[in-house]
Protein backbone atom coordinates (compact mmCIF):
# COMPACT_ATOMS: atom_id res chain seq x y z
CA MET A 1 93.65 121.32 67.60
CA THR A 2 92.45 118.69 70.05
CA THR A 3 89.88 117.61 67.44
CA LEU A 4 92.61 117.01 64.88
CA ILE A 5 94.77 115.05 67.31
CA ALA A 6 91.80 112.93 68.43
CA ILE A 7 90.86 112.09 64.83
CA VAL A 8 94.38 110.96 63.97
CA GLY A 9 94.51 108.92 67.18
CA LEU A 10 91.23 107.22 66.28
CA GLY A 11 92.59 106.32 62.85
CA ILE A 12 95.67 104.71 64.37
CA LEU A 13 93.45 102.86 66.88
CA SER A 14 91.38 101.34 64.07
CA LEU A 15 94.55 99.92 62.53
CA ILE A 16 95.63 98.48 65.88
CA PHE A 17 92.24 96.78 66.27
CA GLU A 18 92.87 94.81 63.08
CA ILE A 19 96.24 93.65 64.40
CA PHE A 20 94.59 92.15 67.47
CA ASP A 21 91.74 90.67 65.41
CA PHE A 22 89.03 92.95 66.85
CA ARG A 23 87.45 93.31 63.41
CA LYS A 24 83.85 93.27 64.66
CA ALA A 25 84.58 96.11 67.07
CA ILE A 26 86.17 98.46 64.52
CA ILE A 27 83.01 100.13 63.23
CA PRO A 28 81.17 100.42 66.60
CA VAL A 29 84.27 101.80 68.34
CA THR A 30 84.97 104.18 65.47
CA ILE A 31 81.41 105.55 65.51
CA ILE A 32 81.50 105.98 69.30
CA GLY A 33 84.88 107.67 69.00
CA LEU A 34 83.62 110.05 66.32
CA LEU A 35 80.59 110.92 68.44
CA ALA A 36 82.95 111.76 71.33
CA ILE A 37 85.10 113.86 68.98
CA LEU A 38 81.94 115.62 67.77
CA GLY A 39 81.15 116.57 71.37
CA LEU A 40 84.73 117.76 71.85
CA THR A 41 84.52 119.86 68.69
CA VAL A 42 81.20 121.47 69.60
CA SER A 43 82.58 122.38 73.04
CA GLU A 44 85.15 124.62 71.31
CA PHE A 45 82.49 126.66 69.50
CA ASN A 46 82.77 129.71 71.78
CA SER A 47 86.49 129.31 72.45
CA PRO A 48 88.41 130.77 69.48
CA GLU A 49 92.10 130.03 69.67
CA SER A 50 95.15 129.52 67.48
CA TYR A 51 97.88 126.89 67.80
CA TYR A 52 101.47 126.47 66.66
CA ASN A 53 102.11 130.05 65.51
CA ASN A 54 98.71 130.32 63.87
CA MET A 55 99.08 127.09 61.86
CA ILE A 56 95.70 125.89 63.18
CA VAL A 57 92.90 128.32 64.02
CA VAL A 58 89.78 127.31 65.96
CA SER A 59 86.85 129.58 65.10
CA LYS A 60 83.08 129.35 64.76
CA PHE A 61 83.56 128.73 61.05
CA SER A 62 86.01 125.86 61.53
CA VAL A 63 84.01 124.29 64.36
CA SER A 64 80.72 124.44 62.44
CA PHE A 65 82.09 122.86 59.28
CA SER A 66 84.25 120.36 61.21
CA SER A 67 81.12 119.21 63.04
CA LEU A 68 79.35 118.71 59.71
CA PHE A 69 82.31 116.71 58.39
CA ILE A 70 82.31 114.47 61.46
CA VAL A 71 78.57 113.80 61.14
CA LEU A 72 78.99 112.88 57.46
CA THR A 73 81.92 110.61 58.30
CA ILE A 74 79.85 108.82 60.95
CA PHE A 75 77.23 108.07 58.31
CA LEU A 76 79.85 106.86 55.82
CA ILE A 77 81.56 104.65 58.41
CA ALA A 78 78.19 103.13 59.37
CA LEU A 79 77.49 102.30 55.71
CA SER A 80 80.87 100.52 55.51
CA HIS A 81 79.63 97.59 57.60
CA ASN A 82 77.82 95.81 54.75
CA PHE A 83 79.69 97.36 51.85
CA TYR A 84 83.09 95.84 52.58
CA ASP A 85 81.87 92.33 53.44
CA ASN A 86 83.11 90.81 50.20
CA HIS A 87 86.25 92.88 49.70
CA GLN A 88 89.63 91.19 49.90
CA SER A 89 91.37 93.98 51.81
CA LYS A 90 91.10 94.41 55.55
CA LEU A 91 88.22 96.46 56.91
CA SER A 92 90.55 98.54 59.07
CA ASP A 93 92.34 99.83 55.95
CA TYR A 94 89.16 101.39 54.57
CA ILE A 95 88.02 102.78 57.92
CA ALA A 96 91.44 104.24 58.74
CA ILE A 97 91.69 105.93 55.34
CA LYS A 98 88.27 107.54 55.87
CA ILE A 99 89.31 108.78 59.31
CA PHE A 100 92.59 110.20 58.04
CA LEU A 101 90.62 111.81 55.20
CA LEU A 102 88.50 113.46 57.89
CA ALA A 103 91.68 114.77 59.51
CA GLY A 104 92.64 116.38 56.21
CA ALA A 105 89.15 117.85 55.88
CA VAL A 106 89.29 119.41 59.36
CA ALA A 107 92.76 120.82 58.64
CA MET A 108 91.44 122.41 55.43
CA VAL A 109 88.83 124.51 57.27
CA SER A 110 90.99 125.16 60.34
CA PHE A 111 94.16 126.39 58.65
CA GLY A 112 95.75 129.70 59.55
CA ASN A 113 98.74 129.12 57.33
CA LEU A 114 98.93 128.17 53.65
CA ALA A 115 101.31 125.32 54.48
CA MET A 116 98.63 123.68 56.65
CA PHE A 117 96.05 124.38 53.93
CA PHE A 118 98.10 122.44 51.37
CA LEU A 119 98.86 119.65 53.82
CA GLY A 120 95.13 119.18 54.44
CA ILE A 121 94.42 119.08 50.68
CA GLU A 122 97.04 116.40 50.11
CA ILE A 123 95.83 114.20 52.98
CA LEU A 124 92.28 114.38 51.64
CA SER A 125 93.27 113.94 47.98
CA ILE A 126 95.59 110.97 48.48
CA SER A 127 92.92 109.22 50.55
CA LEU A 128 90.41 109.73 47.74
CA TYR A 129 92.82 108.42 45.10
CA ILE A 130 93.23 105.21 47.09
CA LEU A 131 89.51 104.77 47.73
CA ALA A 132 88.58 105.42 44.10
CA ALA A 133 90.78 102.51 42.97
CA SER A 134 90.12 100.32 46.01
CA ASN A 135 88.12 97.66 44.11
CA ARG A 136 91.18 96.06 42.54
CA VAL A 137 89.30 93.40 40.54
CA ASN A 138 87.07 95.97 38.83
CA ILE A 139 88.62 97.63 35.79
CA LYS A 140 86.29 100.62 36.06
CA SER A 141 87.53 101.27 39.59
CA ASN A 142 91.14 101.05 38.39
CA GLU A 143 90.35 103.50 35.61
CA ALA A 144 88.57 105.87 38.01
CA GLY A 145 91.51 105.82 40.42
CA MET A 146 94.04 106.52 37.65
CA LYS A 147 91.96 109.34 36.11
CA TYR A 148 91.37 110.97 39.47
CA PHE A 149 95.03 110.61 40.46
CA LEU A 150 96.36 112.16 37.23
CA MET A 151 93.87 115.04 37.13
CA GLY A 152 94.08 115.60 40.88
CA SER A 153 97.87 115.71 40.79
CA PHE A 154 97.77 118.46 38.16
CA ALA A 155 95.24 120.39 40.28
CA SER A 156 97.43 120.04 43.39
CA GLY A 157 100.42 121.26 41.39
CA ILE A 158 98.47 124.32 40.23
CA ILE A 159 97.42 125.06 43.82
CA LEU A 160 101.02 124.75 45.03
CA PHE A 161 102.22 127.04 42.24
CA GLY A 162 99.56 129.56 43.30
CA ILE A 163 100.69 129.37 46.93
CA CYS A 164 104.26 130.05 45.80
CA MET A 165 103.05 133.12 43.88
CA ILE A 166 101.20 134.42 46.93
CA TYR A 167 104.26 133.85 49.11
CA GLY A 168 106.46 135.60 46.57
CA ALA A 169 104.14 138.62 46.63
CA MET A 170 103.56 138.78 50.38
CA GLY A 171 106.59 137.12 51.93
CA SER A 172 104.43 135.10 54.30
CA PHE A 173 102.27 131.98 54.47
CA ASP A 174 100.26 133.34 57.41
CA ILE A 175 96.65 134.08 56.48
CA VAL A 176 96.27 137.02 58.88
CA GLU A 177 99.37 138.75 57.52
CA ILE A 178 98.31 138.07 53.93
CA SER A 179 94.82 139.43 54.67
CA ASP A 180 96.23 142.64 56.16
CA MET A 181 98.64 143.20 53.28
CA SER A 182 96.01 142.38 50.62
CA GLN A 183 94.13 145.57 51.56
CA SER A 184 97.04 147.64 50.31
CA ALA A 185 96.42 149.77 47.24
CA GLU A 186 99.55 148.51 45.51
CA LEU A 187 99.94 144.74 45.29
CA PRO A 188 102.51 142.81 43.26
CA ILE A 189 101.09 141.18 40.14
CA TRP A 190 102.02 137.78 41.58
CA PHE A 191 99.33 138.07 44.24
CA PRO A 192 96.23 138.06 41.98
CA ILE A 193 97.90 135.47 39.75
CA GLY A 194 98.42 133.27 42.84
CA ILE A 195 94.78 133.66 43.87
CA VAL A 196 93.63 132.69 40.35
CA LEU A 197 95.83 129.57 40.34
CA VAL A 198 94.67 128.44 43.79
CA THR A 199 91.04 129.08 42.79
CA ILE A 200 91.46 127.00 39.61
CA GLY A 201 92.84 124.09 41.65
CA MET A 202 90.00 124.28 44.15
CA LEU A 203 87.38 124.50 41.39
CA PHE A 204 88.71 121.17 40.16
CA LYS A 205 88.15 119.67 43.62
CA ILE A 206 84.59 121.03 43.59
CA ALA A 207 84.03 119.77 40.01
CA ALA A 208 82.85 123.13 38.69
CA VAL A 209 82.70 123.87 34.97
CA PRO A 210 85.09 123.85 33.08
CA PHE A 211 87.07 121.69 35.51
CA HIS A 212 84.41 119.00 35.80
CA PHE A 213 85.29 116.47 33.10
CA TRP A 214 86.76 113.94 35.53
CA ALA A 215 83.66 113.72 37.73
CA PRO A 216 81.21 111.52 35.74
CA ASP A 217 83.74 108.79 34.92
CA VAL A 218 85.28 108.79 38.39
CA TYR A 219 81.89 108.76 40.13
CA GLU A 220 80.68 105.88 37.96
CA GLY A 221 83.84 103.78 38.20
CA SER A 222 84.56 104.22 41.91
CA PRO A 223 82.96 101.92 44.48
CA THR A 224 79.55 103.33 45.38
CA LEU A 225 80.52 104.20 48.94
CA THR A 226 83.53 106.15 47.65
CA THR A 227 81.26 107.98 45.22
CA ALA A 228 79.02 108.90 48.16
CA LEU A 229 82.06 110.29 49.97
CA MET A 230 83.20 112.32 46.95
CA SER A 231 79.72 113.65 46.28
CA THR A 232 79.07 114.78 49.85
CA LEU A 233 82.05 115.15 52.17
CA ALA A 234 84.79 115.95 49.64
CA LYS A 235 82.70 118.51 47.74
CA VAL A 236 81.57 120.26 50.92
CA VAL A 237 85.16 120.41 52.22
CA ALA A 238 86.42 121.95 48.98
CA ILE A 239 83.79 124.70 48.75
CA ALA A 240 84.13 125.59 52.46
CA THR A 241 87.91 125.82 52.11
CA LEU A 242 87.69 127.96 48.98
CA TYR A 243 85.24 130.26 50.78
CA LYS A 244 87.57 130.68 53.75
CA LEU A 245 90.61 131.23 51.55
CA LEU A 246 88.99 133.88 49.36
CA SER A 247 87.45 135.61 52.40
CA ALA A 248 90.86 135.91 54.02
CA MET A 249 92.33 137.39 50.84
CA ASN A 250 89.49 139.90 50.33
CA ALA A 251 88.81 138.54 46.85
CA ASP A 252 85.22 139.81 46.84
CA ILE A 253 86.35 143.44 46.49
CA ASN A 254 87.59 142.68 42.96
CA TYR A 255 84.80 143.19 40.42
CA SER A 256 86.58 141.17 37.71
CA PHE A 257 86.83 138.23 40.09
CA GLN A 258 83.12 138.39 40.83
CA ILE A 259 82.26 138.36 37.10
CA VAL A 260 84.34 135.20 36.66
CA VAL A 261 82.50 133.58 39.59
CA VAL A 262 79.17 134.53 38.00
CA ILE A 263 80.14 132.92 34.68
CA ILE A 264 81.45 129.73 36.30
CA SER A 265 78.40 129.48 38.57
CA ILE A 266 75.92 129.84 35.69
CA ALA A 267 77.93 127.47 33.47
CA SER A 268 78.15 124.81 36.21
CA MET A 269 74.42 124.93 36.93
CA THR A 270 73.47 124.81 33.25
CA VAL A 271 75.94 122.20 31.98
CA GLY A 272 75.38 119.95 35.00
CA ASN A 273 71.61 119.93 34.66
CA ILE A 274 71.46 119.57 30.88
CA MET A 275 73.93 116.68 30.88
CA ALA A 276 72.13 114.99 33.80
CA LEU A 277 68.93 114.83 31.73
CA ARG A 278 70.58 112.36 29.35
CA GLN A 279 71.95 109.90 31.91
CA VAL A 280 70.66 106.38 32.53
CA ASN A 281 73.26 105.53 35.18
CA VAL A 282 72.25 106.92 38.58
CA LYS A 283 75.83 107.59 39.72
CA ARG A 284 76.60 109.55 36.55
CA MET A 285 73.32 111.41 36.96
CA LEU A 286 74.27 112.41 40.51
CA ALA A 287 77.76 113.36 39.28
CA PHE A 288 76.25 115.92 36.92
CA SER A 289 73.78 116.90 39.63
CA GLY A 290 76.77 117.55 41.88
CA ILE A 291 78.33 119.77 39.20
CA SER A 292 75.08 121.73 39.12
CA HIS A 293 75.03 122.05 42.91
CA ALA A 294 78.63 123.26 42.81
CA GLY A 295 77.32 126.14 40.71
CA PHE A 296 74.73 126.95 43.37
CA MET A 297 77.36 126.81 46.13
CA LEU A 298 79.62 129.20 44.19
CA MET A 299 76.92 131.85 44.54
CA ALA A 300 78.06 132.21 48.15
CA LEU A 301 81.36 133.62 46.86
CA LEU A 302 79.53 136.69 45.55
CA SER A 303 78.90 137.94 49.10
CA LEU A 304 81.82 136.62 51.12
CA SER A 305 81.26 138.88 54.10
CA THR A 306 77.69 137.74 54.81
CA SER A 307 77.15 134.28 53.31
CA ALA A 308 79.04 131.92 55.66
CA GLY A 309 75.81 130.83 57.37
CA SER A 310 73.96 130.28 54.10
CA LEU A 311 76.87 128.24 52.72
CA LEU A 312 76.89 126.05 55.83
CA TYR A 313 73.12 125.60 55.51
CA TYR A 314 73.24 124.75 51.80
CA THR A 315 76.10 122.29 52.18
CA SER A 316 74.37 120.62 55.14
CA ALA A 317 71.12 120.23 53.20
CA TYR A 318 72.90 118.94 50.10
CA ALA A 319 75.18 116.52 51.95
CA LEU A 320 72.41 115.02 54.10
CA SER A 321 70.17 114.40 51.09
CA GLY A 322 73.18 112.93 49.26
CA ILE A 323 73.93 110.52 52.12
CA ALA A 324 70.29 109.39 52.23
CA ALA A 325 70.20 108.90 48.45
CA PHE A 326 73.43 106.90 48.32
CA SER A 327 72.26 104.71 51.20
CA VAL A 328 69.38 103.58 49.00
CA ILE A 329 71.67 103.17 45.99
CA LEU A 330 73.99 100.96 48.07
CA TYR A 331 71.06 98.73 48.98
CA VAL A 332 69.51 98.49 45.51
CA CYS A 333 72.72 98.05 43.49
CA LYS A 334 74.68 95.72 45.75
CA ASN A 335 76.06 92.73 43.79
CA ARG A 336 74.82 94.19 40.52
CA GLU A 337 76.93 95.01 37.48
CA ASN A 338 75.83 98.63 37.24
CA GLU A 339 73.75 101.37 38.84
CA ASP A 340 71.35 102.00 35.95
CA ILE A 341 67.87 103.35 36.56
CA VAL A 342 66.39 100.01 35.49
CA ASN A 343 67.59 98.55 38.81
CA PHE A 344 65.22 100.89 40.64
CA HIS A 345 62.10 99.81 38.75
CA GLY A 346 59.27 99.02 41.15
CA LEU A 347 61.19 99.93 44.31
CA GLY A 348 58.07 101.72 45.56
CA LYS A 349 56.28 98.35 45.59
CA THR A 350 59.08 96.13 46.90
CA ASN A 351 60.50 98.53 49.49
CA PRO A 352 58.22 101.54 50.10
CA LEU A 353 60.38 102.99 52.92
CA LEU A 354 63.60 103.21 50.92
CA ALA A 355 61.69 104.45 47.86
CA ALA A 356 60.16 107.21 49.98
CA ILE A 357 63.58 108.16 51.39
CA LEU A 358 65.16 108.32 47.93
CA THR A 359 62.20 110.36 46.68
CA ALA A 360 62.57 112.80 49.59
CA SER A 361 66.31 113.10 48.95
CA LEU A 362 65.80 113.89 45.27
CA LEU A 363 63.04 116.40 46.06
CA SER A 364 65.38 118.14 48.50
CA MET A 365 68.10 118.36 45.84
CA ALA A 366 65.55 119.77 43.41
CA GLY A 367 64.55 122.42 45.96
CA ILE A 368 61.02 121.33 46.84
CA PRO A 369 59.47 122.31 50.23
CA ILE A 370 59.42 121.10 53.07
CA PHE A 371 62.92 119.83 52.64
CA ALA A 372 66.06 121.76 53.55
CA GLY A 373 67.14 122.03 49.92
CA PHE A 374 64.30 124.47 49.22
CA PHE A 375 65.08 126.80 52.12
CA ALA A 376 68.82 126.59 51.44
CA LYS A 377 68.27 127.81 47.89
CA LEU A 378 65.85 130.48 49.11
CA VAL A 379 68.41 131.91 51.55
CA LEU A 380 71.21 131.75 48.98
CA PHE A 381 69.05 133.41 46.32
CA SER A 382 68.06 136.22 48.70
CA GLN A 383 71.66 137.02 49.57
CA THR A 384 72.72 136.90 45.93
CA ILE A 385 69.95 139.36 44.97
CA GLN A 386 71.06 141.67 47.80
CA ALA A 387 74.61 141.50 46.42
CA GLY A 388 73.24 142.79 43.09
CA TYR A 389 73.37 139.63 40.98
CA LEU A 390 69.74 139.07 40.02
CA VAL A 391 70.77 137.50 36.70
CA VAL A 392 72.50 134.63 38.54
CA VAL A 393 69.35 133.95 40.55
CA ILE A 394 67.24 133.89 37.37
CA PHE A 395 69.53 131.24 35.87
CA ALA A 396 69.50 129.36 39.19
CA VAL A 397 65.68 129.24 39.25
CA ILE A 398 65.55 128.04 35.64
CA ASN A 399 68.10 125.34 36.40
CA SER A 400 66.18 124.26 39.49
CA ILE A 401 63.17 123.69 37.25
CA ILE A 402 65.29 121.74 34.74
CA SER A 403 66.63 119.50 37.53
CA VAL A 404 63.12 118.31 38.33
CA GLY A 405 63.15 116.48 34.98
CA TYR A 406 65.92 114.01 35.76
CA TYR A 407 65.08 113.63 39.43
CA PHE A 408 61.52 112.69 38.53
CA LYS A 409 62.77 110.26 35.89
CA LEU A 410 64.17 108.16 38.75
CA ILE A 411 61.13 108.75 40.99
CA LEU A 412 58.71 107.66 38.26
CA ALA A 413 60.80 104.54 37.61
CA MET A 414 60.36 103.54 41.27
CA TYR A 415 56.59 104.00 41.32
CA THR A 416 55.33 103.34 37.79
CA LYS A 417 57.50 100.43 36.58
CA GLU A 418 57.23 96.77 37.49
CA PRO A 419 59.97 95.45 39.82
CA ASN A 420 62.78 93.31 38.39
CA GLU A 421 63.30 91.36 41.59
CA THR A 422 62.44 91.45 45.28
CA ARG A 423 65.16 91.72 47.91
CA THR A 424 64.36 90.20 51.26
CA ALA A 425 67.47 91.31 53.16
CA LYS A 426 67.01 94.50 55.18
CA PRO A 427 70.39 95.65 56.53
CA PHE A 428 69.76 97.65 59.68
CA LEU A 429 72.60 100.18 59.31
CA ILE A 430 71.63 101.17 55.76
CA TYR A 431 68.05 101.76 56.89
CA ALA A 432 69.22 103.64 59.99
CA VAL A 433 71.58 105.94 58.07
CA ALA A 434 68.99 106.67 55.37
CA VAL A 435 66.23 107.44 57.87
CA VAL A 436 68.39 109.58 60.19
CA ALA A 437 69.93 111.54 57.30
CA ILE A 438 66.59 112.42 55.69
CA LEU A 439 65.04 113.26 59.08
CA LEU A 440 67.90 115.65 59.82
CA ASN A 441 67.33 117.19 56.39
CA ILE A 442 63.65 117.74 57.16
CA ILE A 443 64.41 119.10 60.66
CA ILE A 444 66.84 121.75 59.42
CA GLY A 445 64.35 122.49 56.65
CA LEU A 446 61.60 123.19 59.15
CA PHE A 447 63.95 125.01 61.54
CA PRO A 448 66.64 126.65 59.38
CA SER A 449 67.76 128.91 62.22
CA LEU A 450 69.36 125.86 63.87
CA VAL A 451 72.10 126.09 61.23
CA LEU A 452 71.89 129.68 59.95
CA ASP A 453 72.36 131.23 63.40
CA LEU A 454 75.64 129.35 63.96
CA LEU A 455 77.54 131.73 61.68
CA ALA A 456 75.21 134.73 61.79
């Protein structure tokens, strides 16, 4: 609870800094504040507690994922320094929205009550709608914001309808009470219907097939930094929340539910990878890549009682490689009309360090050793086989091989094509974020127990 209060306080402080014209101090103070909040959050790891009649629950699960969200937000805030130089709006607006978005994310994995769950979703979603359309002079950004707002509003409505169904069946919003009653042999029909509706809404947030159609257009049209946020932080928040929700409601004991998860997982991996092969825009390519990774993450729902650690590990590996990749994209595509692969031609000659970082990020996403992406898939595959779903793992391995095709298309463009132009500017924060993110990815790849043991 103290984490949530501190995050909201930091968001308000960033707005106050703009009032007193402390613009240059906003990002440094925000990063320092988030580091302090990270320390505060980690200190609660072994102190489970609930607040306000179980509205907020502090547990190892919530602390672990909240810490990951804070780390990702620190990276995204650091990248804001150069990105918003030429924007007409005030810097504090963008920073504050990202911090409030973080508050929604923490609420989504710390809820003990469905009312707090929905409140967290709305805080996160509204922040994303604003950020997607934040480049007011760009028609693609306006289109992305409108598409995301309309589709997201429908998804939120479906989630709310599902919550109402669950309440009608159980007579309570409290997760503990719902979990206890869900083990009853006789449940009202409204309960499974409610779970299905909530799951559909959350699958939209994750961009899993067949609820993925918004993702490519929104990713391409949104400002690149917002796309980075959607691809990493927002996706990780949604899958972690869905995992917690379904675990509390004992959804894994329903065989029909597991079959649906299997179909959606396989479809997401396959559709995402096949469509990514055809893309020439890097942001659209990573949008379809994200759809594919959503399919991999959904495999954790097939063994809800044992896969919390593997889900945390996979999301950490995916998010860190995503942050590193988007750092390079921000550098290469700044002040350019698009993010096509042609912009990356010859990057290996003009900027070997960033080319190497982007290559490492893509290799991690593809599941190549020594990067964390390989070990994350290995752990997830092992648990899925133990749960009795070998067929899902077979499709996952095939799709991992397919993904190498489009990742290497970008890698080959960096090292085998002649450069279009040479950039002399070397923004420190972009380099720092890219290097730190990929190093963290390699570290947890070499020492997976650092993450896996947190929720063992």
